[in-house]
C-alpha atoms as a PDB file:
ATOM      1  CA  MET A   1      35.903  -4.776 -39.330  1.00  0.00           C
ATOM      2  CA  ILE A   2      35.144  -4.430 -43.038  1.00  0.00           C
ATOM      3  CA  ASP A   3      34.863  -7.551 -45.189  1.00  0.00           C
ATOM      4  CA  THR A   4      36.414  -7.244 -48.654  1.00  0.00           C
ATOM      5  CA  LYS A   5      34.971 -10.549 -49.984  1.00  0.00           C
ATOM      6  CA  ILE A   6      31.360  -9.608 -50.633  1.00  0.00           C
ATOM      7  CA  ASP A   7      28.739 -10.839 -53.055  1.00  0.00           C
ATOM      8  CA  ILE A   8      25.203  -9.778 -53.831  1.00  0.00           C
ATOM      9  CA  SER A   9      23.693 -12.465 -51.573  1.00  0.00           C
ATOM     10  CA  GLN A  10      25.046 -10.561 -48.542  1.00  0.00           C
ATOM     11  CA  ILE A  11      22.937  -7.486 -49.314  1.00  0.00           C
ATOM     12  CA  VAL A  12      20.057  -8.262 -46.970  1.00  0.00           C
ATOM     13  CA  PRO A  13      17.546  -6.095 -45.103  1.00  0.00           C
ATOM     14  CA  GLY A  14      18.950  -4.883 -41.799  1.00  0.00           C
ATOM     15  CA  SER A  15      22.602  -5.324 -42.776  1.00  0.00           C
ATOM     16  CA  THR A  16      24.900  -2.352 -42.152  1.00  0.00           C
ATOM     17  CA  TRP A  17      27.353  -1.124 -44.768  1.00  0.00           C
ATOM     18  CA  VAL A  18      30.101   1.476 -44.667  1.00  0.00           C
ATOM     19  CA  GLY A  19      30.453   4.103 -47.373  1.00  0.00           C
ATOM     20  CA  PRO A  20      32.798   7.011 -48.024  1.00  0.00           C
ATOM     21  CA  ASN A  21      34.106   8.794 -44.917  1.00  0.00           C
ATOM     22  CA  SER A  22      33.053   5.781 -42.786  1.00  0.00           C
ATOM     23  CA  VAL A  23      29.366   6.735 -42.999  1.00  0.00           C
ATOM     24  CA  GLU A  24      27.110   3.795 -42.081  1.00  0.00           C
ATOM     25  CA  PHE A  25      24.121   2.792 -44.208  1.00  0.00           C
ATOM     26  CA  VAL A  26      21.399   0.206 -43.519  1.00  0.00           C
ATOM     27  CA  VAL A  27      19.722  -1.886 -46.216  1.00  0.00           C
ATOM     28  CA  ILE A  28      15.931  -1.492 -46.088  1.00  0.00           C
ATOM     29  CA  GLU A  29      15.006  -3.996 -48.778  1.00  0.00           C
ATOM     30  CA  THR A  30      16.057  -5.505 -52.074  1.00  0.00           C
ATOM     31  CA  ALA A  31      13.889  -6.087 -55.119  1.00  0.00           C
ATOM     32  CA  ASN A  32      14.291  -8.144 -58.269  1.00  0.00           C
ATOM     33  CA  VAL A  33      13.735  -5.845 -61.253  1.00  0.00           C
ATOM     34  CA  ASP A  34      14.138  -7.329 -64.729  1.00  0.00           C
ATOM     35  CA  SER A  35      16.524 -10.022 -63.402  1.00  0.00           C
ATOM     36  CA  ASN A  36      18.642  -7.437 -61.571  1.00  0.00           C
ATOM     37  CA  ILE A  37      18.744  -6.617 -57.863  1.00  0.00           C
ATOM     38  CA  TRP A  38      17.674  -3.115 -56.803  1.00  0.00           C
ATOM     39  CA  VAL A  39      18.806  -2.053 -53.307  1.00  0.00           C
ATOM     40  CA  HIS A  40      16.912   0.397 -51.082  1.00  0.00           C
ATOM     41  CA  TYR A  41      18.970   1.795 -48.202  1.00  0.00           C
ATOM     42  CA  ARG A  42      19.374   4.773 -45.860  1.00  0.00           C
ATOM     43  CA  LYS A  43      21.990   6.415 -43.699  1.00  0.00           C
ATOM     44  CA  LYS A  44      21.950   4.874 -40.235  1.00  0.00           C
ATOM     45  CA  HIS A  45      19.738   6.919 -37.876  1.00  0.00           C
ATOM     46  CA  GLU A  46      18.413   9.148 -40.698  1.00  0.00           C
ATOM     47  CA  PRO A  47      15.103   8.873 -42.575  1.00  0.00           C
ATOM     48  CA  GLN A  48      16.253   9.799 -46.119  1.00  0.00           C
ATOM     49  CA  GLU A  49      16.232   6.736 -48.386  1.00  0.00           C
ATOM     50  CA  TYR A  50      18.356   5.970 -51.442  1.00  0.00           C
ATOM     51  CA  SER A  51      18.396   3.196 -54.045  1.00  0.00           C
ATOM     52  CA  CYS A  52      20.638   1.796 -56.766  1.00  0.00           C
ATOM     53  CA  TRP A  53      21.518  -1.442 -58.561  1.00  0.00           C
ATOM     54  CA  ALA A  54      23.328  -4.041 -56.418  1.00  0.00           C
ATOM     55  CA  GLU A  55      26.483  -3.855 -58.520  1.00  0.00           C
ATOM     56  CA  SER A  56      26.712  -0.105 -57.931  1.00  0.00           C
ATOM     57  CA  PHE A  57      25.954  -0.617 -54.245  1.00  0.00           C
ATOM     58  CA  LEU A  58      28.877  -3.054 -53.948  1.00  0.00           C
ATOM     59  CA  ASP A  59      31.178  -0.544 -55.665  1.00  0.00           C
ATOM     60  CA  ARG A  60      30.235   2.161 -53.141  1.00  0.00           C
ATOM     61  CA  PHE A  61      29.900   0.259 -49.865  1.00  0.00           C
ATOM     62  CA  ARG A  62      31.553  -2.463 -47.804  1.00  0.00           C
ATOM     63  CA  LEU A  63      29.756  -4.752 -45.359  1.00  0.00           C
ATOM     64  CA  TYR A  64      30.320  -3.806 -41.740  1.00  0.00           C
ATOM     65  CA  GLN A  65      30.707  -7.105 -39.880  1.00  0.00           C
ATOM     66  CA  ASN A  66      30.139  -5.885 -36.316  1.00  0.00           C
ATOM     67  CA  TYR A  67      26.912  -3.997 -36.867  1.00  0.00           C
ATOM     68  CA  GLN A  68      24.225  -3.681 -34.176  1.00  0.00           C
END
């Protein structure tokens, strides 16, 4: 189930998000940089890490409610 009512406060370490083509991503950490939130994340079960601003993250991904 994908939640369409998301805000930045729901981007928390360990949460799973779904991107294009139903690929799952896991948030590693968030950081406050110059009053903005920077999100570090990776594909589920893969070591490569990515990062972007929270607003961009929310444009690309949707929270996966039934994550393990």
